[in-house]
């Protein structure tokens, strides 16, 4: 009985996602789905590849700027490698796009002699900026979603206030660090020393960085915004190349549903992403909505699986090189 429980704890969410995807797949015309995918020309695929690479560069640059400001000249290629490796781990980990951060910290510490507190601080700041940017861009999308004809309500409080609360919390935390305040350390003092000491040490480094390097913090924030805008542009291009007849506002609503589906505790949002696309396109009254939604989701899956494989390989997982010291 115990092995079964352990198996369900480890793979239960993945199985749930697979079941959900299977149920959706049974109600879709795969002939129409492949027909939609065959609309992609080599020119369109090339454009999507260029835009995707362009979107990855500011994501890598965000962390690279932070590390440079800390005084660690980690090569951009290594930063890209660890970032992509972290993305790959997060993609296959149940949860809202987290899980690869310890890998990033360990690689900085082992291969570039970055102290654990400094490495953890750099990753924490980078993820904080990512979260803040996501919330700032998603809140308008959520407002458009609930104000559209998809919902028969004008009361936005139940949807908007949690997002605003999240933004305020992140801005308050970052603002506190900019003014060299350390709220997490105060909370950490309530914990045992083995937990409190790393929290206090890491937040001290973060607060000193934000207080002494506001210009670099701003640059990292700009990289984060550019990354999100390019990802949104790529998403819109995918819809256009697949022949999904949506206007920009509808594309933003679709993107919002997609990003929210990724927050489900299922690796890669398996099943949730496909279900969200089917729901939004059919609710919008798009012809062949289910088939276009599945083809759209499969295209996104193909991109993410390629990035995950490249990330695992480049980071050294597939070569057995993870954790080895740099020569």
Protein backbone atom coordinates (compact mmCIF):
# COMPACT_ATOMS: atom_id res chain seq x y z
CA UNK A 1 0.00 0.00 0.00
CA UNK A 2 2.79 2.39 0.88
CA UNK A 3 4.55 2.10 -2.53
CA UNK A 4 1.22 2.90 -4.22
CA UNK A 5 0.77 6.01 -2.08
CA UNK A 6 4.34 7.14 -2.85
CA UNK A 7 3.75 6.55 -6.55
CA UNK A 8 0.54 8.61 -6.49
CA UNK A 9 2.27 11.42 -4.59
CA UNK A 10 5.04 11.56 -7.16
CA UNK A 11 3.10 10.99 -10.36
CA UNK A 12 -0.54 11.57 -9.42
CA UNK A 13 -0.79 15.06 -10.91
CA UNK A 14 0.91 13.90 -14.10
CA UNK A 15 -1.57 11.02 -14.39
CA UNK A 16 -4.45 13.42 -13.82
CA UNK A 17 -3.16 15.68 -16.58
CA UNK A 18 -2.75 12.72 -18.93
CA UNK A 19 -6.31 11.58 -18.22
CA UNK A 20 -7.65 15.09 -18.81
CA UNK A 21 -5.72 15.34 -22.07
CA UNK A 22 -7.02 11.92 -23.14
CA UNK A 23 -10.64 12.88 -22.47
CA UNK A 24 -10.19 16.05 -24.53
CA UNK A 25 -8.46 14.15 -27.32
CA UNK A 26 -11.39 11.72 -27.68
CA UNK A 27 -13.71 14.60 -28.58
CA UNK A 28 -11.53 16.17 -31.25
CA UNK A 29 -11.31 15.52 -34.97
CA UNK A 30 -7.63 14.74 -35.43
CA UNK A 31 -7.90 15.03 -39.20
CA UNK A 32 -8.94 18.68 -38.81
CA UNK A 33 -6.26 19.17 -36.16
CA UNK A 34 -3.49 17.97 -38.47
CA UNK A 35 -4.97 20.01 -41.30
CA UNK A 36 -4.60 23.12 -39.13
CA UNK A 37 -1.00 22.23 -38.30
CA UNK A 38 -0.20 21.67 -41.99
CA UNK A 39 -0.96 25.34 -42.60
CA UNK A 40 2.43 26.13 -41.07
CA UNK A 41 4.96 26.93 -43.80
CA UNK A 42 8.71 26.67 -43.38
CA UNK A 43 8.80 30.47 -43.45
CA UNK A 44 6.33 30.62 -40.54
CA UNK A 45 8.32 28.05 -38.56
CA UNK A 46 11.50 30.04 -39.18
CA UNK A 47 9.86 33.26 -37.96
CA UNK A 48 8.60 31.54 -34.81
CA UNK A 49 12.08 30.17 -34.10
CA UNK A 50 13.64 33.62 -34.46
CA UNK A 51 11.03 35.24 -32.21
CA UNK A 52 11.39 32.49 -29.60
CA UNK A 53 15.16 32.91 -29.45
CA UNK A 54 14.67 36.67 -29.24
CA UNK A 55 12.29 36.14 -26.30
CA UNK A 56 14.79 33.91 -24.48
CA UNK A 57 17.63 36.43 -24.65
CA UNK A 58 16.08 39.03 -22.28
CA UNK A 59 15.10 36.19 -19.93
CA UNK A 60 18.76 35.18 -19.72
CA UNK A 61 19.80 38.85 -19.63
CA UNK A 62 17.65 39.55 -16.58
CA UNK A 63 19.66 37.13 -14.45
CA UNK A 64 22.97 38.03 -16.12
CA UNK A 65 22.55 41.73 -15.22
CA UNK A 66 21.86 40.83 -11.59
CA UNK A 67 24.94 38.61 -11.37
CA UNK A 68 27.15 41.25 -13.00
CA UNK A 69 25.90 43.85 -10.56
CA UNK A 70 26.79 41.49 -7.71
CA UNK A 71 30.35 41.40 -9.03
CA UNK A 72 30.27 37.93 -10.60
CA UNK A 73 31.28 37.93 -14.27
CA UNK A 74 29.53 34.68 -15.14
CA UNK A 75 29.65 34.28 -18.97
CA UNK A 76 26.33 34.94 -20.69
CA UNK A 77 26.44 31.48 -22.26
CA UNK A 78 26.66 29.84 -18.83
CA UNK A 79 23.82 31.99 -17.53
CA UNK A 80 21.73 30.92 -20.53
CA UNK A 81 22.62 27.27 -19.93
CA UNK A 82 21.64 27.32 -16.26
CA UNK A 83 18.47 29.32 -16.99
CA UNK A 84 17.35 26.88 -19.65
CA UNK A 85 18.21 23.96 -17.39
CA UNK A 86 16.13 25.54 -14.64
CA UNK A 87 13.25 26.03 -17.08
CA UNK A 88 13.44 22.36 -18.11
CA UNK A 89 13.27 21.18 -14.49
CA UNK A 90 10.40 23.56 -13.72
CA UNK A 91 8.49 22.40 -16.81
CA UNK A 92 8.48 18.76 -15.74
CA UNK A 93 7.89 19.57 -12.06
CA UNK A 94 4.31 19.78 -10.74
CA UNK A 95 3.60 23.38 -9.82
CA UNK A 96 3.40 26.93 -11.19
CA UNK A 97 6.66 27.18 -13.15
CA UNK A 98 9.00 26.63 -10.23
CA UNK A 99 11.37 23.82 -9.33
CA UNK A 100 14.60 24.57 -11.20
CA UNK A 101 15.87 27.27 -8.84
CA UNK A 102 18.00 24.97 -6.62
CA UNK A 103 19.75 23.70 -9.75
CA UNK A 104 20.60 27.29 -10.77
CA UNK A 105 21.95 28.09 -7.30
CA UNK A 106 24.05 24.91 -7.13
CA UNK A 107 25.60 25.50 -10.57
CA UNK A 108 26.64 29.04 -9.63
CA UNK A 109 28.14 27.82 -6.39
CA UNK A 110 29.99 24.78 -7.75
CA UNK A 111 31.15 26.02 -11.12
CA UNK A 112 31.74 29.72 -10.47
CA UNK A 113 32.47 29.81 -6.74
CA UNK A 114 29.53 32.13 -6.07
CA UNK A 115 28.68 31.91 -2.33
CA UNK A 116 25.37 30.22 -1.63
CA UNK A 117 23.83 33.37 -0.14
CA UNK A 118 24.81 35.43 -3.20
CA UNK A 119 23.65 32.75 -5.64
CA UNK A 120 20.33 32.32 -3.83
CA UNK A 121 19.86 36.09 -3.72
CA UNK A 122 20.42 36.44 -7.47
CA UNK A 123 17.90 33.70 -8.29
CA UNK A 124 15.39 35.10 -5.78
CA UNK A 125 15.56 38.61 -7.27
CA UNK A 126 15.26 37.19 -10.80
CA UNK A 127 12.18 35.14 -9.90
CA UNK A 128 10.62 38.04 -8.02
CA UNK A 129 10.92 40.23 -11.11
CA UNK A 130 9.47 37.42 -13.25
CA UNK A 131 6.48 37.05 -10.93
CA UNK A 132 5.88 40.80 -10.73
CA UNK A 133 6.01 41.17 -14.51
CA UNK A 134 3.63 38.23 -14.99
CA UNK A 135 1.10 39.73 -12.58
CA UNK A 136 1.34 43.22 -14.07
CA UNK A 137 0.65 41.85 -17.56
CA UNK A 138 -1.95 39.28 -16.52
CA UNK A 139 -4.19 41.60 -14.51
CA UNK A 140 -5.35 43.59 -17.61
CA UNK A 141 -5.93 40.27 -19.40
CA UNK A 142 -8.04 38.97 -16.51
CA UNK A 143 -10.05 42.22 -16.48
CA UNK A 144 -10.72 41.88 -20.22
CA UNK A 145 -11.64 38.22 -19.72
CA UNK A 146 -14.27 38.80 -17.05
CA UNK A 147 -15.64 41.94 -18.73
CA UNK A 148 -16.11 40.15 -22.02
CA UNK A 149 -19.25 38.34 -23.06
CA UNK A 150 -17.75 35.14 -21.68
CA UNK A 151 -18.85 36.11 -18.18
CA UNK A 152 -22.21 37.59 -17.26
CA UNK A 153 -20.86 39.70 -14.41
CA UNK A 154 -19.59 43.22 -13.89
CA UNK A 155 -18.16 42.46 -10.45
CA UNK A 156 -14.39 42.18 -10.92
CA UNK A 157 -13.43 42.19 -7.26
CA UNK A 158 -13.26 38.42 -6.84
CA UNK A 159 -10.81 38.17 -9.75
CA UNK A 160 -8.82 41.40 -9.68
CA UNK A 161 -8.20 41.87 -5.98
CA UNK A 162 -6.06 38.72 -5.52
CA UNK A 163 -3.85 39.86 -8.40
CA UNK A 164 -3.61 43.40 -7.06
CA UNK A 165 -2.81 42.01 -3.61
CA UNK A 166 0.00 39.93 -5.15
CA UNK A 167 1.40 42.93 -7.00
CA UNK A 168 1.26 45.06 -3.86
CA UNK A 169 3.00 42.34 -1.84
CA UNK A 170 5.81 41.98 -4.39
CA UNK A 171 6.20 45.73 -4.89
CA UNK A 172 6.19 46.21 -1.11
CA UNK A 173 8.86 43.57 -0.65
CA UNK A 174 11.05 44.95 -3.45
CA UNK A 175 10.47 48.49 -2.20
CA UNK A 176 11.49 47.45 1.29
CA UNK A 177 14.70 45.97 -0.08
CA UNK A 178 15.42 49.13 -2.09
CA UNK A 179 15.24 51.10 1.19
CA UNK A 180 17.36 48.42 2.88
CA UNK A 181 14.51 46.98 4.93
CA UNK A 182 14.43 43.26 5.69
CA UNK A 183 10.90 42.04 6.46
CA UNK A 184 11.64 38.36 5.79
CA UNK A 185 14.44 38.40 8.37
CA UNK A 186 11.98 39.49 11.04
CA UNK A 187 9.70 36.61 10.16
CA UNK A 188 12.69 34.28 9.97
CA UNK A 189 13.58 35.03 13.57
CA UNK A 190 10.47 33.10 14.56
CA UNK A 191 11.92 29.95 13.00
CA UNK A 192 14.63 27.62 14.31
CA UNK A 193 18.19 28.84 13.68
CA UNK A 194 18.88 26.28 10.96
CA UNK A 195 16.08 27.89 8.91
CA UNK A 196 16.39 31.46 10.16
CA UNK A 197 20.10 31.93 9.48
CA UNK A 198 19.99 31.18 5.71
CA UNK A 199 16.91 33.42 5.33
CA UNK A 200 18.53 36.31 7.18
CA UNK A 201 21.83 35.91 5.33
CA UNK A 202 20.16 35.73 1.92
CA UNK A 203 17.84 38.66 2.53
CA UNK A 204 20.76 40.76 3.74
CA UNK A 205 22.47 40.19 0.39
CA UNK A 206 19.23 40.93 -1.52
CA UNK A 207 18.53 44.14 0.41
CA UNK A 208 22.10 45.38 -0.08
CA UNK A 209 21.86 44.69 -3.81
CA UNK A 210 18.51 46.46 -4.27
CA UNK A 211 19.63 49.39 -2.11
CA UNK A 212 23.04 49.86 -3.72
CA UNK A 213 22.24 48.84 -7.33
CA UNK A 214 18.86 50.43 -8.23
CA UNK A 215 19.97 51.11 -11.82
CA UNK A 216 20.85 47.46 -12.43
CA UNK A 217 17.57 46.43 -10.78
CA UNK A 218 15.74 48.68 -13.24
CA UNK A 219 17.62 47.17 -16.18
CA UNK A 220 16.71 43.68 -15.03
CA UNK A 221 13.06 44.79 -14.76
CA UNK A 222 13.16 46.14 -18.32
CA UNK A 223 14.59 42.85 -19.57
CA UNK A 224 11.72 41.09 -17.81
CA UNK A 225 9.13 43.32 -19.52
CA UNK A 226 10.72 42.81 -22.95
CA UNK A 227 10.75 39.04 -22.38
CA UNK A 228 7.01 39.02 -21.64
CA UNK A 229 6.16 41.25 -24.61
CA UNK A 230 8.10 39.02 -27.00
CA UNK A 231 6.46 35.88 -25.60
CA UNK A 232 3.05 37.51 -26.09
CA UNK A 233 4.04 38.48 -29.64
CA UNK A 234 5.12 34.90 -30.35
CA UNK A 235 1.81 33.60 -28.99
CA UNK A 236 -0.11 35.93 -31.29
CA UNK A 237 2.00 34.85 -34.27
CA UNK A 238 1.26 31.19 -33.55
CA UNK A 239 -2.47 31.92 -33.58
CA UNK A 240 -2.15 33.89 -36.82
CA UNK A 241 -0.07 31.24 -38.61
CA UNK A 242 -2.58 28.54 -37.62
CA UNK A 243 -5.42 30.60 -39.07
CA UNK A 244 -7.19 31.29 -35.76
CA UNK A 245 -9.39 34.35 -36.53
CA UNK A 246 -8.95 36.46 -33.40
CA UNK A 247 -8.41 40.20 -32.95
CA UNK A 248 -5.62 41.45 -30.60
CA UNK A 249 -7.98 41.78 -27.61
CA UNK A 250 -9.16 38.18 -28.06
CA UNK A 251 -5.56 37.03 -28.42
CA UNK A 252 -4.73 38.73 -25.10
CA UNK A 253 -7.68 36.95 -23.45
CA UNK A 254 -6.47 33.63 -24.91
CA UNK A 255 -2.96 34.30 -23.62
CA UNK A 256 -4.35 35.06 -20.16
CA UNK A 257 -6.26 31.76 -20.07
CA UNK A 258 -3.11 29.94 -21.25
CA UNK A 259 -0.91 31.50 -18.57
CA UNK A 260 -3.46 30.79 -15.87
CA UNK A 261 -3.66 27.14 -17.00
CA UNK A 262 0.11 26.86 -16.48
CA UNK A 263 -0.43 27.65 -12.79
CA UNK A 264 -2.20 24.31 -12.30
CA UNK A 265 -0.13 21.82 -10.22
CA UNK A 266 0.41 19.59 -13.27
CA UNK A 267 3.74 19.31 -15.15
CA UNK A 268 3.55 21.75 -18.05
CA UNK A 269 -0.14 22.31 -17.37
CA UNK A 270 -0.85 19.07 -19.26
CA UNK A 271 -4.55 18.87 -20.02
CA UNK A 272 -5.28 22.25 -18.40
CA UNK A 273 -3.68 24.17 -21.28
CA UNK A 274 -5.54 22.15 -23.90
CA UNK A 275 -8.82 22.41 -22.00
CA UNK A 276 -8.38 26.15 -21.54
CA UNK A 277 -7.75 26.69 -25.25
CA UNK A 278 -10.75 24.57 -26.22
CA UNK A 279 -13.00 26.41 -23.77
CA UNK A 280 -11.94 29.91 -24.82
CA UNK A 281 -12.09 29.30 -28.58
CA UNK A 282 -15.44 27.51 -28.47
CA UNK A 283 -16.87 30.18 -26.16
CA UNK A 284 -15.71 32.84 -28.61
CA UNK A 285 -17.59 31.00 -31.33
CA UNK A 286 -14.49 30.28 -33.42
CA UNK A 287 -15.28 27.67 -36.13
CA UNK A 288 -13.58 24.32 -35.44
CA UNK A 289 -12.58 25.76 -32.07
CA UNK A 290 -11.67 22.42 -30.47
CA UNK A 291 -9.49 21.30 -33.39
CA UNK A 292 -7.72 24.67 -33.65
CA UNK A 293 -7.24 24.69 -29.88
CA UNK A 294 -5.59 21.26 -29.90
CA UNK A 295 -3.37 22.16 -32.87
CA UNK A 296 -2.41 25.40 -31.12
CA UNK A 297 -1.65 23.53 -27.89
CA UNK A 298 0.39 20.90 -29.73
CA UNK A 299 2.49 23.61 -31.37
CA UNK A 300 3.16 25.16 -27.96
CA UNK A 301 3.93 21.70 -26.55
CA UNK A 302 6.40 21.02 -29.36
CA UNK A 303 8.20 24.30 -28.65
CA UNK A 304 8.35 23.66 -24.89
CA UNK A 305 9.42 20.03 -25.26
CA UNK A 306 12.26 21.06 -27.57
CA UNK A 307 13.33 23.74 -25.08
CA UNK A 308 13.08 21.22 -22.23
CA UNK A 309 15.21 18.67 -24.09
CA UNK A 310 17.78 21.31 -25.05
CA UNK A 311 17.77 22.61 -21.48
CA UNK A 312 18.34 19.17 -19.98
CA UNK A 313 21.07 18.37 -22.49
CA UNK A 314 22.80 21.76 -22.36
CA UNK A 315 22.66 21.86 -18.57
CA UNK A 316 24.42 18.49 -18.46
CA UNK A 317 21.64 16.19 -17.25
CA UNK A 318 21.68 13.99 -20.35
CA UNK A 319 25.47 14.02 -20.46
CA UNK A 320 25.85 13.22 -16.75
CA UNK A 321 27.80 16.44 -16.17
CA UNK A 322 25.56 18.13 -13.61
CA UNK A 323 27.41 19.22 -10.52
CA UNK A 324 30.89 18.68 -11.98
CA UNK A 325 33.42 21.36 -11.23
CA UNK A 326 34.52 23.63 -14.03
CA UNK A 327 38.09 22.97 -15.17
